[in-house]
Protein backbone atom coordinates (compact mmCIF):
# COMPACT_ATOMS: atom_id res chain seq x y z
CA MET A 1 -43.37 86.19 33.54
CA TYR A 2 -42.17 85.99 37.04
CA ARG A 3 -40.74 82.18 38.21
CA ASP A 4 -39.56 81.81 42.03
CA PHE A 5 -35.95 80.18 42.41
CA PHE A 6 -37.33 76.69 41.33
CA GLY A 7 -39.32 77.93 38.45
CA ALA A 8 -42.79 77.40 40.31
CA LEU A 9 -45.33 80.79 39.56
CA PRO A 10 -46.44 82.61 42.57
CA ALA A 11 -50.03 81.06 43.77
CA VAL A 12 -51.74 84.29 42.92
CA GLN A 13 -50.46 84.80 39.37
CA ALA A 14 -50.86 80.78 38.21
CA ALA A 15 -54.48 81.24 39.49
CA GLY A 16 -55.07 84.34 37.16
CA ARG A 17 -55.14 87.22 39.45
CA GLU A 18 -53.73 90.45 40.34
CA GLY A 19 -50.78 90.81 42.09
CA THR A 20 -49.19 88.78 44.57
CA GLU A 21 -49.09 87.32 48.45
CA ARG A 22 -47.71 90.70 49.41
CA GLY A 23 -51.05 92.71 48.22
CA PHE A 24 -49.70 94.17 45.00
CA THR A 25 -52.35 95.53 43.43
CA GLY A 26 -50.96 96.95 40.36
CA LEU A 27 -51.20 100.77 41.20
CA ALA A 28 -47.67 101.88 40.52
CA MET A 29 -46.49 104.37 43.08
CA LYS A 30 -43.49 106.46 43.32
CA GLU A 31 -41.05 105.05 45.90
CA GLU A 32 -37.16 105.78 47.19
CA VAL A 33 -35.84 103.21 45.37
CA VAL A 34 -32.18 101.27 45.85
CA PHE A 35 -30.19 100.60 42.40
CA PHE A 36 -27.27 98.28 42.50
CA ARG A 37 -24.86 97.23 39.38
CA GLN A 38 -22.65 94.22 39.14
CA PHE A 39 -18.98 96.00 39.30
CA PRO A 40 -16.64 95.47 35.96
CA PHE A 41 -13.53 94.65 37.85
CA VAL A 42 -10.05 94.68 35.92
CA PRO A 43 -7.24 92.60 36.85
CA GLY A 44 -4.87 94.71 38.34
CA GLN A 45 -7.16 96.63 40.42
CA LYS A 46 -6.67 97.34 44.12
CA ILE A 47 -9.73 97.42 46.19
CA HIS A 48 -11.04 98.09 49.75
CA ILE A 49 -14.09 96.10 51.13
CA GLU A 50 -15.56 97.96 53.34
CA ASP A 51 -17.81 95.44 55.42
CA GLY A 52 -18.95 91.77 55.57
CA PRO A 53 -16.80 88.50 55.53
CA ARG A 54 -14.44 89.48 52.80
CA LYS A 55 -13.37 93.23 54.52
CA GLY A 56 -10.07 94.58 53.55
CA ASP A 57 -7.67 94.99 51.06
CA TRP A 58 -7.17 93.12 47.68
CA GLU A 59 -6.03 93.13 44.05
CA VAL A 60 -7.87 91.52 41.66
CA ILE A 61 -5.75 88.59 39.74
CA GLY A 62 -8.86 87.26 37.69
CA VAL A 63 -12.66 88.07 36.70
CA ASP A 64 -14.75 86.42 34.29
CA GLU A 65 -18.81 87.03 33.86
CA LYS A 66 -19.71 84.56 36.94
CA GLU A 67 -16.71 84.76 39.34
CA VAL A 68 -13.30 87.22 40.78
CA THR A 69 -10.19 86.04 42.01
CA LEU A 70 -8.68 88.12 44.59
CA ARG A 71 -5.10 88.02 46.02
CA CYS A 72 -4.66 89.86 49.63
CA PRO A 73 -1.49 91.98 49.30
CA VAL A 74 -0.32 91.22 53.28
CA SER A 75 -0.87 87.27 53.30
CA GLY A 76 -0.97 86.35 49.56
CA PHE A 77 -3.95 84.38 49.89
CA THR A 78 -5.86 83.82 47.17
CA ALA A 79 -10.25 83.73 46.76
CA THR A 80 -12.54 82.98 44.10
CA TRP A 81 -15.93 84.17 44.94
CA ARG A 82 -18.99 85.18 42.97
CA ARG A 83 -19.00 88.40 41.64
CA PHE A 84 -20.36 90.38 44.27
CA CYS A 85 -19.08 93.80 45.27
CA TYR A 86 -20.76 96.99 44.47
CA LEU A 87 -19.07 100.84 44.25
CA THR A 88 -19.64 102.92 47.17
CA GLY A 89 -17.07 105.29 46.18
CA GLU A 90 -13.42 105.70 44.78
CA ARG A 91 -10.76 108.00 46.16
CA GLN A 92 -7.01 108.53 46.86
CA ALA A 93 -6.37 105.84 49.99
CA VAL A 94 -3.57 104.35 51.30
CA TRP A 95 -3.54 100.88 50.13
CA PRO A 96 -3.36 98.42 51.76
CA ALA A 97 -4.60 99.93 54.80
CA GLY A 98 -2.37 100.73 58.19
CA THR A 99 0.83 100.73 55.86
CA GLU A 100 1.21 104.03 56.24
CA THR A 101 4.52 105.18 56.65
CA ASP A 102 4.30 109.14 56.97
CA GLN A 103 1.99 109.09 60.25
CA ALA A 104 0.67 112.67 61.22
CA SER A 105 2.93 113.43 64.84
CA PRO A 106 0.53 114.27 67.68
CA ASP A 107 1.52 118.03 67.54
CA SER A 108 0.02 118.52 64.70
């Protein structure tokens, strides 16, 4: 049975009625749903976070079931956060970004 963040049952479920405050009536309909899964980090991985407050290049230096420790390859700054990333794609890329030595000339 569903409980909210503090362990309380929603009022409509506690009262024994079908549904929730949001109006679910028990009729399931197919909808477009986006699924997320926690990314299985591995120490030594080089990652690039595309947006948000942690955006940028990082190296995974530690991971457990609750937290991941990352190090910035430029500044050496390390941070441990609750696991948070989700895979959006994997491809060959310059890492860290902005360190390209073989840039295309303007004539090409």
